[in-house]
Amino acid sequence: IEKGGTLDELAAEFGMRKSVLVARIEFMVRAGYLCEIKSGHGCEGCPKSKTCSVPVPGGGRGGVRMYMLTEKGREYIEGVRRDKRFND
């Protein structure tokens, strides 16, 4: 998610159906690991607007949803990485 991509691209990368990916994203938002980036001004209000490569219908006025890791999400990933290094 951090490097970006469409739902179709991410689902293919993770080897899962798009509906399963959407359910997991929704769960991670509810659990506090991800948050949706909200903007009232389309792409120009988004912190990723300068580097974003997501094709947006209508030149940035489409219904694109973007997510980012919360502090809780970053801490979880760091914990998994530490455990993996410890177990290797």
Protein backbone atom coordinates (compact mmCIF):
# COMPACT_ATOMS: atom_id res chain seq x y z
CA ILE A 1 0.00 0.00 0.00
CA GLU A 2 2.81 2.38 0.87
CA LYS A 3 4.29 2.25 -2.64
CA GLY A 4 0.87 2.73 -4.21
CA GLY A 5 -1.15 0.96 -6.83
CA THR A 6 -4.70 0.19 -7.80
CA LEU A 7 -6.79 -2.43 -6.04
CA ASP A 8 -6.40 -4.71 -9.06
CA GLU A 9 -2.60 -4.34 -9.01
CA LEU A 10 -2.35 -4.92 -5.26
CA ALA A 11 -4.70 -7.92 -5.36
CA ALA A 12 -2.59 -9.49 -8.11
CA GLU A 13 0.63 -8.77 -6.20
CA PHE A 14 -0.76 -10.41 -3.05
CA GLY A 15 -2.40 -13.26 -4.96
CA MET A 16 -5.94 -12.60 -3.70
CA ARG A 17 -9.29 -11.54 -5.05
CA LYS A 18 -10.03 -7.82 -5.08
CA SER A 19 -13.01 -8.33 -2.72
CA VAL A 20 -10.75 -10.03 -0.16
CA LEU A 21 -8.23 -7.18 -0.40
CA VAL A 22 -10.99 -4.58 0.12
CA ALA A 23 -12.22 -6.48 3.20
CA ARG A 24 -8.69 -6.60 4.62
CA ILE A 25 -8.13 -2.90 4.01
CA GLU A 26 -11.44 -2.08 5.72
CA PHE A 27 -10.44 -4.27 8.68
CA MET A 28 -7.04 -2.56 8.95
CA VAL A 29 -8.72 0.86 8.92
CA ARG A 30 -11.14 -0.19 11.69
CA ALA A 31 -8.27 -1.71 13.70
CA GLY A 32 -6.24 1.50 13.41
CA TYR A 33 -3.38 0.17 11.25
CA LEU A 34 -4.34 2.25 8.18
CA CYS A 35 -6.13 5.54 7.73
CA GLU A 36 -7.76 6.95 4.65
CA ILE A 37 -6.19 10.10 3.29
CA LYS A 38 -9.03 12.57 2.97
CA SER A 39 -8.93 15.65 0.82
CA GLY A 40 -11.61 18.10 -0.06
CA HIS A 41 -9.71 19.44 -3.06
CA GLY A 42 -8.97 16.40 -5.21
CA CYS A 43 -5.40 15.50 -6.01
CA GLU A 44 -3.93 18.92 -5.29
CA GLY A 45 -4.75 18.50 -1.58
CA CYS A 46 -3.11 15.09 -1.33
CA PRO A 47 0.36 14.76 0.22
CA LYS A 48 1.34 12.30 -2.57
CA SER A 49 0.12 14.45 -5.48
CA LYS A 50 3.62 15.26 -6.77
CA THR A 51 4.74 11.62 -6.97
CA CYS A 52 1.46 9.73 -7.46
CA SER A 53 1.22 7.47 -10.49
CA VAL A 54 -2.34 6.24 -9.90
CA PRO A 55 -4.42 6.96 -13.00
CA VAL A 56 -7.40 9.03 -11.87
CA PRO A 57 -10.43 9.34 -14.15
CA GLY A 58 -11.23 12.98 -14.87
CA GLY A 59 -7.72 14.22 -14.17
CA GLY A 60 -7.86 13.97 -10.42
CA ARG A 61 -11.52 14.48 -9.75
CA GLY A 62 -12.40 10.79 -9.54
CA GLY A 63 -13.31 8.74 -6.50
CA VAL A 64 -9.82 7.47 -5.70
CA ARG A 65 -9.26 6.35 -2.14
CA MET A 66 -5.77 6.44 -0.71
CA TYR A 67 -4.55 4.98 2.55
CA MET A 68 -1.45 5.33 4.66
CA LEU A 69 -0.01 3.47 7.61
CA THR A 70 -0.78 4.90 11.02
CA GLU A 71 1.77 4.94 13.81
CA LYS A 72 0.15 1.74 15.12
CA GLY A 73 0.56 0.17 11.66
CA ARG A 74 4.23 1.17 11.45
CA GLU A 75 4.88 -0.23 14.93
CA TYR A 76 3.21 -3.51 13.97
CA ILE A 77 5.34 -3.86 10.82
CA GLU A 78 8.53 -3.06 12.74
CA GLY A 79 7.60 -5.73 15.29
CA VAL A 80 7.06 -8.30 12.54
CA ARG A 81 10.42 -7.38 10.98
CA ARG A 82 12.17 -7.70 14.36
CA ASP A 83 10.56 -11.10 14.97
CA LYS A 84 11.54 -12.29 11.49
CA ARG A 85 15.16 -11.23 12.01
CA PHE A 86 15.19 -12.91 15.42
CA ASN A 87 13.81 -16.16 14.01
CA ASP A 88 16.10 -16.29 10.95
